[in-house]
C-alpha atoms as a PDB file:
ATOM      1  CA  MET A   1     -27.268   3.576  14.403  1.00  0.00           C
ATOM      2  CA  SER A   2     -29.811   2.085  16.844  1.00  0.00           C
ATOM      3  CA  SER A   3     -29.946   3.249  20.423  1.00  0.00           C
ATOM      4  CA  PRO A   4     -28.290   0.992  23.000  1.00  0.00           C
ATOM      5  CA  GLU A   5     -30.634  -1.415  24.752  1.00  0.00           C
ATOM      6  CA  PHE A   6     -31.594  -1.349  28.427  1.00  0.00           C
ATOM      7  CA  GLY A   7     -28.703  -2.757  30.453  1.00  0.00           C
ATOM      8  CA  GLN A   8     -26.176  -1.109  28.138  1.00  0.00           C
ATOM      9  CA  THR A   9     -26.677   2.415  29.450  1.00  0.00           C
ATOM     10  CA  TRP A  10     -26.467   4.439  32.632  1.00  0.00           C
ATOM     11  CA  THR A  11     -29.819   5.078  34.306  1.00  0.00           C
ATOM     12  CA  TYR A  12     -29.521   8.702  33.112  1.00  0.00           C
ATOM     13  CA  GLU A  13     -29.303   7.532  29.491  1.00  0.00           C
ATOM     14  CA  SER A  14     -32.164   5.057  29.915  1.00  0.00           C
ATOM     15  CA  ILE A  15     -34.485   7.803  31.162  1.00  0.00           C
ATOM     16  CA  ILE A  16     -33.620  10.115  28.272  1.00  0.00           C
ATOM     17  CA  ASN A  17     -34.005   7.358  25.665  1.00  0.00           C
ATOM     18  CA  ALA A  18     -37.319   6.255  27.158  1.00  0.00           C
ATOM     19  CA  LEU A  19     -38.990   9.670  26.834  1.00  0.00           C
ATOM     20  CA  PRO A  20     -41.440   9.490  23.915  1.00  0.00           C
ATOM     21  CA  GLY A  21     -40.787  11.910  21.082  1.00  0.00           C
ATOM     22  CA  VAL A  22     -37.471  13.108  22.549  1.00  0.00           C
ATOM     23  CA  ASP A  23     -34.680  12.910  19.981  1.00  0.00           C
ATOM     24  CA  ILE A  24     -32.372  15.907  20.166  1.00  0.00           C
ATOM     25  CA  PRO A  25     -28.633  16.220  19.518  1.00  0.00           C
ATOM     26  CA  GLU A  26     -26.444  15.736  22.560  1.00  0.00           C
ATOM     27  CA  ARG A  27     -24.970  19.244  22.447  1.00  0.00           C
ATOM     28  CA  VAL A  28     -28.455  20.708  22.385  1.00  0.00           C
ATOM     29  CA  ALA A  29     -29.428  18.497  25.344  1.00  0.00           C
ATOM     30  CA  PHE A  30     -26.423  19.722  27.337  1.00  0.00           C
ATOM     31  CA  ALA A  31     -27.228  23.337  26.457  1.00  0.00           C
ATOM     32  CA  ILE A  32     -30.842  22.844  27.560  1.00  0.00           C
ATOM     33  CA  GLN A  33     -29.761  21.208  30.820  1.00  0.00           C
ATOM     34  CA  PHE A  34     -27.335  23.992  31.675  1.00  0.00           C
ATOM     35  CA  GLY A  35     -29.624  26.746  30.408  1.00  0.00           C
ATOM     36  CA  LEU A  36     -32.734  25.693  32.330  1.00  0.00           C
ATOM     37  CA  PHE A  37     -30.902  25.279  35.626  1.00  0.00           C
ATOM     38  CA  GLU A  38     -28.855  28.444  35.179  1.00  0.00           C
ATOM     39  CA  VAL A  39     -31.828  30.605  34.151  1.00  0.00           C
ATOM     40  CA  GLY A  40     -33.775  29.344  37.156  1.00  0.00           C
ATOM     41  CA  LEU A  41     -30.821  30.061  39.411  1.00  0.00           C
ATOM     42  CA  LEU A  42     -30.382  33.610  38.116  1.00  0.00           C
ATOM     43  CA  VAL A  43     -34.104  34.348  38.291  1.00  0.00           C
ATOM     44  CA  PHE A  44     -34.265  33.256  41.925  1.00  0.00           C
ATOM     45  CA  ALA A  45     -31.071  35.167  42.706  1.00  0.00           C
ATOM     46  CA  ALA A  46     -32.632  38.332  41.269  1.00  0.00           C
ATOM     47  CA  VAL A  47     -36.077  37.867  42.803  1.00  0.00           C
ATOM     48  CA  TYR A  48     -34.898  36.910  46.284  1.00  0.00           C
ATOM     49  CA  GLY A  49     -31.587  38.774  46.376  1.00  0.00           C
ATOM     50  CA  LEU A  50     -29.479  35.623  46.634  1.00  0.00           C
ATOM     51  CA  TRP A  51     -26.471  36.763  44.623  1.00  0.00           C
ATOM     52  CA  ASP A  52     -24.062  35.473  47.288  1.00  0.00           C
ATOM     53  CA  GLY A  53     -25.009  31.917  46.325  1.00  0.00           C
ATOM     54  CA  ALA A  54     -25.264  32.491  42.575  1.00  0.00           C
ATOM     55  CA  LEU A  55     -21.618  31.686  41.808  1.00  0.00           C
ATOM     56  CA  ALA A  56     -21.661  28.479  43.843  1.00  0.00           C
ATOM     57  CA  GLY A  57     -24.902  27.510  42.125  1.00  0.00           C
ATOM     58  CA  THR A  58     -23.432  28.161  38.694  1.00  0.00           C
ATOM     59  CA  VAL A  59     -20.435  25.950  39.489  1.00  0.00           C
ATOM     60  CA  ALA A  60     -22.776  23.173  40.639  1.00  0.00           C
ATOM     61  CA  VAL A  61     -24.892  23.490  37.487  1.00  0.00           C
ATOM     62  CA  PHE A  62     -21.725  23.375  35.380  1.00  0.00           C
ATOM     63  CA  LEU A  63     -20.564  20.215  37.188  1.00  0.00           C
ATOM     64  CA  ALA A  64     -23.938  18.545  36.688  1.00  0.00           C
ATOM     65  CA  THR A  65     -23.852  19.335  32.967  1.00  0.00           C
ATOM     66  CA  ALA A  66     -20.222  18.249  32.670  1.00  0.00           C
ATOM     67  CA  GLY A  67     -21.233  15.035  34.427  1.00  0.00           C
ATOM     68  CA  SER A  68     -23.875  14.365  31.769  1.00  0.00           C
ATOM     69  CA  PHE A  69     -21.260  14.960  29.077  1.00  0.00           C
ATOM     70  CA  GLU A  70     -18.714  12.652  30.711  1.00  0.00           C
ATOM     71  CA  MET A  71     -21.248   9.893  31.381  1.00  0.00           C
ATOM     72  CA  LEU A  72     -22.131   9.780  27.684  1.00  0.00           C
ATOM     73  CA  ARG A  73     -18.457   9.888  26.704  1.00  0.00           C
ATOM     74  CA  ILE A  74     -17.563   7.007  29.011  1.00  0.00           C
ATOM     75  CA  SER A  75     -20.556   4.892  28.008  1.00  0.00           C
ATOM     76  CA  LYS A  76     -19.782   5.340  24.311  1.00  0.00           C
ATOM     77  CA  LEU A  77     -16.164   4.310  24.873  1.00  0.00           C
ATOM     78  CA  VAL A  78     -17.235   1.190  26.775  1.00  0.00           C
ATOM     79  CA  ARG A  79     -19.643   0.196  24.001  1.00  0.00           C
ATOM     80  CA  ARG A  80     -17.083   1.004  21.304  1.00  0.00           C
ATOM     81  CA  ALA A  81     -14.621  -1.394  22.928  1.00  0.00           C
ATOM     82  CA  ASP A  82     -17.176  -4.202  22.547  1.00  0.00           C
ATOM     83  CA  MET A  83     -16.495  -5.521  26.029  1.00  0.00           C
ATOM     84  CA  PRO A  84     -18.011  -8.805  27.282  1.00  0.00           C
ATOM     85  CA  ASP A  85     -21.685  -8.686  28.255  1.00  0.00           C
ATOM     86  CA  SER A  86     -20.849  -9.468  31.878  1.00  0.00           C
ATOM     87  CA  TYR A  87     -18.755  -6.304  32.113  1.00  0.00           C
ATOM     88  CA  GLU A  88     -21.371  -4.070  30.467  1.00  0.00           C
ATOM     89  CA  ARG A  89     -24.077  -5.460  32.759  1.00  0.00           C
ATOM     90  CA  LEU A  90     -21.894  -4.681  35.768  1.00  0.00           C
ATOM     91  CA  VAL A  91     -21.168  -1.129  34.613  1.00  0.00           C
ATOM     92  CA  PHE A  92     -24.643  -0.201  33.397  1.00  0.00           C
ATOM     93  CA  GLY A  93     -27.309  -2.776  34.243  1.00  0.00           C
ATOM     94  CA  SER A  94     -26.634  -2.921  37.970  1.00  0.00           C
ATOM     95  CA  SER A  95     -27.656   0.766  38.478  1.00  0.00           C
ATOM     96  CA  ILE A  96     -25.256   0.871  41.421  1.00  0.00           C
ATOM     97  CA  GLU A  97     -24.295   4.418  40.448  1.00  0.00           C
ATOM     98  CA  VAL A  98     -27.834   5.430  41.501  1.00  0.00           C
ATOM     99  CA  VAL A  99     -27.398   3.739  44.887  1.00  0.00           C
ATOM    100  CA  LEU A 100     -24.086   5.520  45.421  1.00  0.00           C
ATOM    101  CA  GLY A 101     -25.665   8.816  44.352  1.00  0.00           C
ATOM    102  CA  VAL A 102     -28.511   8.341  46.860  1.00  0.00           C
ATOM    103  CA  LEU A 103     -26.007   7.582  49.625  1.00  0.00           C
ATOM    104  CA  ALA A 104     -24.011  10.712  48.763  1.00  0.00           C
ATOM    105  CA  PHE A 105     -27.181  12.846  48.681  1.00  0.00           C
ATOM    106  CA  CYS A 106     -28.427  11.475  52.015  1.00  0.00           C
ATOM    107  CA  ALA A 107     -25.023  12.218  53.542  1.00  0.00           C
ATOM    108  CA  LEU A 108     -25.246  15.775  52.191  1.00  0.00           C
ATOM    109  CA  LEU A 109     -28.751  16.271  53.622  1.00  0.00           C
ATOM    110  CA  THR A 110     -27.623  14.913  56.985  1.00  0.00           C
ATOM    111  CA  TYR A 111     -24.800  17.445  57.017  1.00  0.00           C
ATOM    112  CA  LEU A 112     -26.966  20.371  55.890  1.00  0.00           C
ATOM    113  CA  PHE A 113     -29.902  19.803  58.229  1.00  0.00           C
ATOM    114  CA  VAL A 114     -28.410  17.973  61.216  1.00  0.00           C
ATOM    115  CA  LEU A 115     -24.671  18.445  61.625  1.00  0.00           C
ATOM    116  CA  ASP A 116     -24.090  21.899  60.151  1.00  0.00           C
ATOM    117  CA  PRO A 117     -26.766  23.755  62.221  1.00  0.00           C
ATOM    118  CA  ARG A 118     -24.975  22.745  65.416  1.00  0.00           C
ATOM    119  CA  ASP A 119     -22.090  25.044  64.497  1.00  0.00           C
ATOM    120  CA  GLY A 120     -24.154  28.226  64.099  1.00  0.00           C
ATOM    121  CA  SER A 121     -23.959  29.776  60.620  1.00  0.00           C
ATOM    122  CA  THR A 122     -24.682  27.097  58.021  1.00  0.00           C
ATOM    123  CA  LEU A 123     -23.798  26.514  54.393  1.00  0.00           C
ATOM    124  CA  LEU A 124     -27.474  26.589  53.473  1.00  0.00           C
ATOM    125  CA  THR A 125     -28.115  29.985  55.056  1.00  0.00           C
ATOM    126  CA  GLY A 126     -24.886  31.303  53.595  1.00  0.00           C
ATOM    127  CA  LEU A 127     -26.143  30.436  50.105  1.00  0.00           C
ATOM    128  CA  LEU A 128     -29.897  31.013  50.480  1.00  0.00           C
ATOM    129  CA  GLY A 129     -30.229  33.426  53.392  1.00  0.00           C
ATOM    130  CA  GLU A 130     -31.618  33.074  56.900  1.00  0.00           C
ATOM    131  CA  ASN A 131     -35.090  32.204  55.621  1.00  0.00           C
ATOM    132  CA  PRO A 132     -34.483  30.259  52.394  1.00  0.00           C
ATOM    133  CA  PRO A 133     -37.254  30.780  49.812  1.00  0.00           C
ATOM    134  CA  ILE A 134     -38.964  27.470  49.043  1.00  0.00           C
ATOM    135  CA  PRO A 135     -38.517  27.623  45.222  1.00  0.00           C
ATOM    136  CA  ALA A 136     -34.824  28.493  45.573  1.00  0.00           C
ATOM    137  CA  ALA A 137     -34.292  25.744  48.154  1.00  0.00           C
ATOM    138  CA  TYR A 138     -36.032  23.227  45.881  1.00  0.00           C
ATOM    139  CA  LEU A 139     -33.818  24.144  42.925  1.00  0.00           C
ATOM    140  CA  ALA A 140     -30.688  24.054  45.107  1.00  0.00           C
ATOM    141  CA  LEU A 141     -31.491  20.547  46.355  1.00  0.00           C
ATOM    142  CA  LEU A 142     -32.341  19.386  42.827  1.00  0.00           C
ATOM    143  CA  VAL A 143     -28.971  20.582  41.527  1.00  0.00           C
ATOM    144  CA  ALA A 144     -27.266  19.066  44.584  1.00  0.00           C
ATOM    145  CA  TRP A 145     -28.874  15.697  43.794  1.00  0.00           C
ATOM    146  CA  ASP A 146     -27.694  15.965  40.195  1.00  0.00           C
ATOM    147  CA  VAL A 147     -24.120  16.564  41.361  1.00  0.00           C
ATOM    148  CA  CYS A 148     -24.347  13.705  43.903  1.00  0.00           C
ATOM    149  CA  TYR A 149     -25.579  11.355  41.188  1.00  0.00           C
ATOM    150  CA  ARG A 150     -22.584  12.233  39.012  1.00  0.00           C
ATOM    151  CA  ILE A 151     -20.305  11.675  42.017  1.00  0.00           C
ATOM    152  CA  GLY A 152     -21.840   8.220  42.502  1.00  0.00           C
ATOM    153  CA  THR A 153     -21.335   7.476  38.819  1.00  0.00           C
ATOM    154  CA  GLY A 154     -17.697   8.546  38.993  1.00  0.00           C
ATOM    155  CA  TRP A 155     -17.125   6.274  41.972  1.00  0.00           C
ATOM    156  CA  TRP A 156     -18.704   3.285  40.274  1.00  0.00           C
ATOM    157  CA  ALA A 157     -16.896   3.925  36.981  1.00  0.00           C
ATOM    158  CA  SER A 158     -13.529   4.034  38.754  1.00  0.00           C
ATOM    159  CA  VAL A 159     -14.122   0.907  40.874  1.00  0.00           C
ATOM    160  CA  VAL A 160     -15.362  -1.156  37.923  1.00  0.00           C
ATOM    161  CA  ALA A 161     -12.488   0.155  35.792  1.00  0.00           C
ATOM    162  CA  LEU A 162      -9.949  -1.246  38.250  1.00  0.00           C
ATOM    163  CA  TRP A 163     -11.793  -4.578  38.421  1.00  0.00           C
ATOM    164  CA  ARG A 164     -11.878  -4.722  34.606  1.00  0.00           C
ATOM    165  CA  SER A 165      -8.204  -3.888  34.162  1.00  0.00           C
ATOM    166  CA  VAL A 166      -7.162  -6.570  36.633  1.00  0.00           C
ATOM    167  CA  ASN A 167      -9.455  -9.344  35.396  1.00  0.00           C
ATOM    168  CA  TYR A 168      -9.955  -8.938  31.635  1.00  0.00           C
ATOM    169  CA  PRO A 169      -7.328  -9.517  28.934  1.00  0.00           C
ATOM    170  CA  LEU A 170      -8.126  -6.706  26.516  1.00  0.00           C
ATOM    171  CA  GLY A 171      -5.688  -6.582  23.632  1.00  0.00           C
ATOM    172  CA  PRO A 172      -4.179  -3.370  22.206  1.00  0.00           C
ATOM    173  CA  ASP A 173      -7.334  -1.861  20.670  1.00  0.00           C
ATOM    174  CA  ARG A 174      -9.614  -2.397  23.654  1.00  0.00           C
ATOM    175  CA  ARG A 175      -6.861  -1.310  25.997  1.00  0.00           C
ATOM    176  CA  ARG A 176      -6.469   1.999  24.159  1.00  0.00           C
ATOM    177  CA  VAL A 177     -10.203   2.715  24.345  1.00  0.00           C
ATOM    178  CA  MET A 178     -10.437   1.723  28.017  1.00  0.00           C
ATOM    179  CA  ARG A 179      -7.437   3.878  28.867  1.00  0.00           C
ATOM    180  CA  ARG A 180      -9.311   6.830  27.357  1.00  0.00           C
ATOM    181  CA  ALA A 181     -12.408   5.974  29.393  1.00  0.00           C
ATOM    182  CA  ASP A 182     -10.319   5.871  32.576  1.00  0.00           C
ATOM    183  CA  LEU A 183      -8.770   9.248  31.811  1.00  0.00           C
ATOM    184  CA  GLU A 184     -12.265  10.693  31.262  1.00  0.00           C
ATOM    185  CA  THR A 185     -13.349   9.307  34.641  1.00  0.00           C
ATOM    186  CA  MET A 186     -10.291  10.737  36.357  1.00  0.00           C
ATOM    187  CA  GLY A 187     -10.711  14.093  34.641  1.00  0.00           C
ATOM    188  CA  PHE A 188     -14.286  14.500  35.810  1.00  0.00           C
ATOM    189  CA  GLY A 189     -13.252  13.607  39.347  1.00  0.00           C
ATOM    190  CA  LEU A 190     -10.593  16.311  39.320  1.00  0.00           C
ATOM    191  CA  LEU A 191     -13.081  18.814  37.902  1.00  0.00           C
ATOM    192  CA  GLN A 192     -15.111  18.509  41.114  1.00  0.00           C
ATOM    193  CA  LEU A 193     -12.336  20.359  42.930  1.00  0.00           C
ATOM    194  CA  LEU A 194     -14.116  23.480  41.642  1.00  0.00           C
ATOM    195  CA  LEU A 195     -16.375  23.049  44.680  1.00  0.00           C
ATOM    196  CA  VAL A 196     -13.484  23.467  47.130  1.00  0.00           C
ATOM    197  CA  PRO A 197     -13.483  27.314  47.355  1.00  0.00           C
ATOM    198  CA  PHE A 198     -17.088  27.228  48.569  1.00  0.00           C
ATOM    199  CA  LEU A 199     -16.397  24.637  51.278  1.00  0.00           C
ATOM    200  CA  LEU A 200     -13.384  26.141  53.039  1.00  0.00           C
ATOM    201  CA  ASP A 201     -15.447  26.977  56.138  1.00  0.00           C
ATOM    202  CA  HIS A 202     -17.118  23.555  56.168  1.00  0.00           C
ATOM    203  CA  ALA A 203     -14.426  21.043  57.028  1.00  0.00           C
ATOM    204  CA  VAL A 204     -16.629  17.954  56.831  1.00  0.00           C
ATOM    205  CA  LEU A 205     -17.831  18.645  53.293  1.00  0.00           C
ATOM    206  CA  LEU A 206     -14.379  19.826  52.263  1.00  0.00           C
ATOM    207  CA  PHE A 207     -12.855  16.573  53.495  1.00  0.00           C
ATOM    208  CA  ALA A 208     -15.590  14.552  51.781  1.00  0.00           C
ATOM    209  CA  VAL A 209     -15.174  16.234  48.389  1.00  0.00           C
ATOM    210  CA  VAL A 210     -11.364  16.229  48.409  1.00  0.00           C
ATOM    211  CA  GLY A 211     -11.326  12.671  49.741  1.00  0.00           C
ATOM    212  CA  HIS A 212     -13.686  11.588  46.973  1.00  0.00           C
ATOM    213  CA  VAL A 213     -11.528  13.212  44.295  1.00  0.00           C
ATOM    214  CA  VAL A 214      -8.350  11.661  45.704  1.00  0.00           C
ATOM    215  CA  ALA A 215      -9.984   8.228  45.936  1.00  0.00           C
ATOM    216  CA  VAL A 216     -11.295   8.333  42.355  1.00  0.00           C
ATOM    217  CA  THR A 217      -7.911   9.534  41.114  1.00  0.00           C
ATOM    218  CA  VAL A 218      -6.043   6.784  42.971  1.00  0.00           C
ATOM    219  CA  VAL A 219      -8.418   3.977  41.948  1.00  0.00           C
ATOM    220  CA  THR A 220      -8.515   5.089  38.319  1.00  0.00           C
ATOM    221  CA  GLY A 221      -4.728   5.529  38.378  1.00  0.00           C
ATOM    222  CA  LEU A 222      -4.393   1.931  39.583  1.00  0.00           C
ATOM    223  CA  SER A 223      -6.622   0.865  36.689  1.00  0.00           C
ATOM    224  CA  LEU A 224      -4.343   2.657  34.238  1.00  0.00           C
ATOM    225  CA  LEU A 225      -1.324   1.043  35.883  1.00  0.00           C
ATOM    226  CA  ALA A 226      -2.927  -2.394  35.608  1.00  0.00           C
ATOM    227  CA  LEU A 227      -3.599  -1.751  31.915  1.00  0.00           C
ATOM    228  CA  SER A 228       0.074  -0.905  31.387  1.00  0.00           C
ATOM    229  CA  VAL A 229       1.251  -3.992  33.291  1.00  0.00           C
ATOM    230  CA  ARG A 230      -1.112  -6.212  31.312  1.00  0.00           C
ATOM    231  CA  ALA A 231       0.136  -4.674  28.055  1.00  0.00           C
ATOM    232  CA  GLN A 232       3.740  -5.461  28.960  1.00  0.00           C
ATOM    233  CA  THR A 233       2.820  -9.007  30.016  1.00  0.00           C
ATOM    234  CA  GLU A 234       0.828  -9.688  26.864  1.00  0.00           C
ATOM    235  CA  ASP A 235       3.567  -8.234  24.645  1.00  0.00           C
ATOM    236  CA  HIS A 236       6.164 -10.353  26.407  1.00  0.00           C
ATOM    237  CA  ALA A 237       4.046 -13.488  25.933  1.00  0.00           C
ATOM    238  CA  THR A 238       3.593 -12.628  22.250  1.00  0.00           C
ATOM    239  CA  ASN A 239       7.357 -12.215  21.759  1.00  0.00           C
ATOM    240  CA  LEU A 240       8.043 -15.589  23.401  1.00  0.00           C
ATOM    241  CA  SER A 241       5.479 -17.469  21.339  1.00  0.00           C
ATOM    242  CA  PRO A 242       6.945 -19.384  18.354  1.00  0.00           C
END
């Protein structure tokens, strides 16, 4: 089966598909992604004595890898449903998930380097020590960006899902596939609650993460509700037709 064309994939997929000579199974790609980040994290933890931040880093690496898995799952479901081109362009071709990821990452940096230092002990020093080693800080910010990008993707997937469920008549088969895609989106949002134990002393980030998860859950739940309402309406119309 041919690879999806540009405009039918997330930016993450487009980058992977564009790399010359790269054609590896998805499970291997996920293992490589997790393994490279995790090995780097453990090496820096051992070299610089940063074991206090190792668990938080591992959770973040796991979320980034799970995000890659869910993005591919959702994109495959959308393509399997053979939705109209206008919908696929909105989901994939707009690259709005990148914009939302950048906004989330900039908000995180503002908190880490501007707001958090005003309160004394910071999240960054708690994870990386009083004088964070440059390589460890670089890896931490790289993983943080990866997580923020997945958060942006989850937001966009949930918002577009609600718009789709309200505006498109789908039919039973498409509706079943889109319901699965919505559940995948909701599930990944809920998985991000794994970050909560590390944010209990940082109310702003705690509120942001929990608020994000609640918002994605509510919006995706409304999409699922709209799918159910549309199913009942379409079935009723079918029963009334001669």
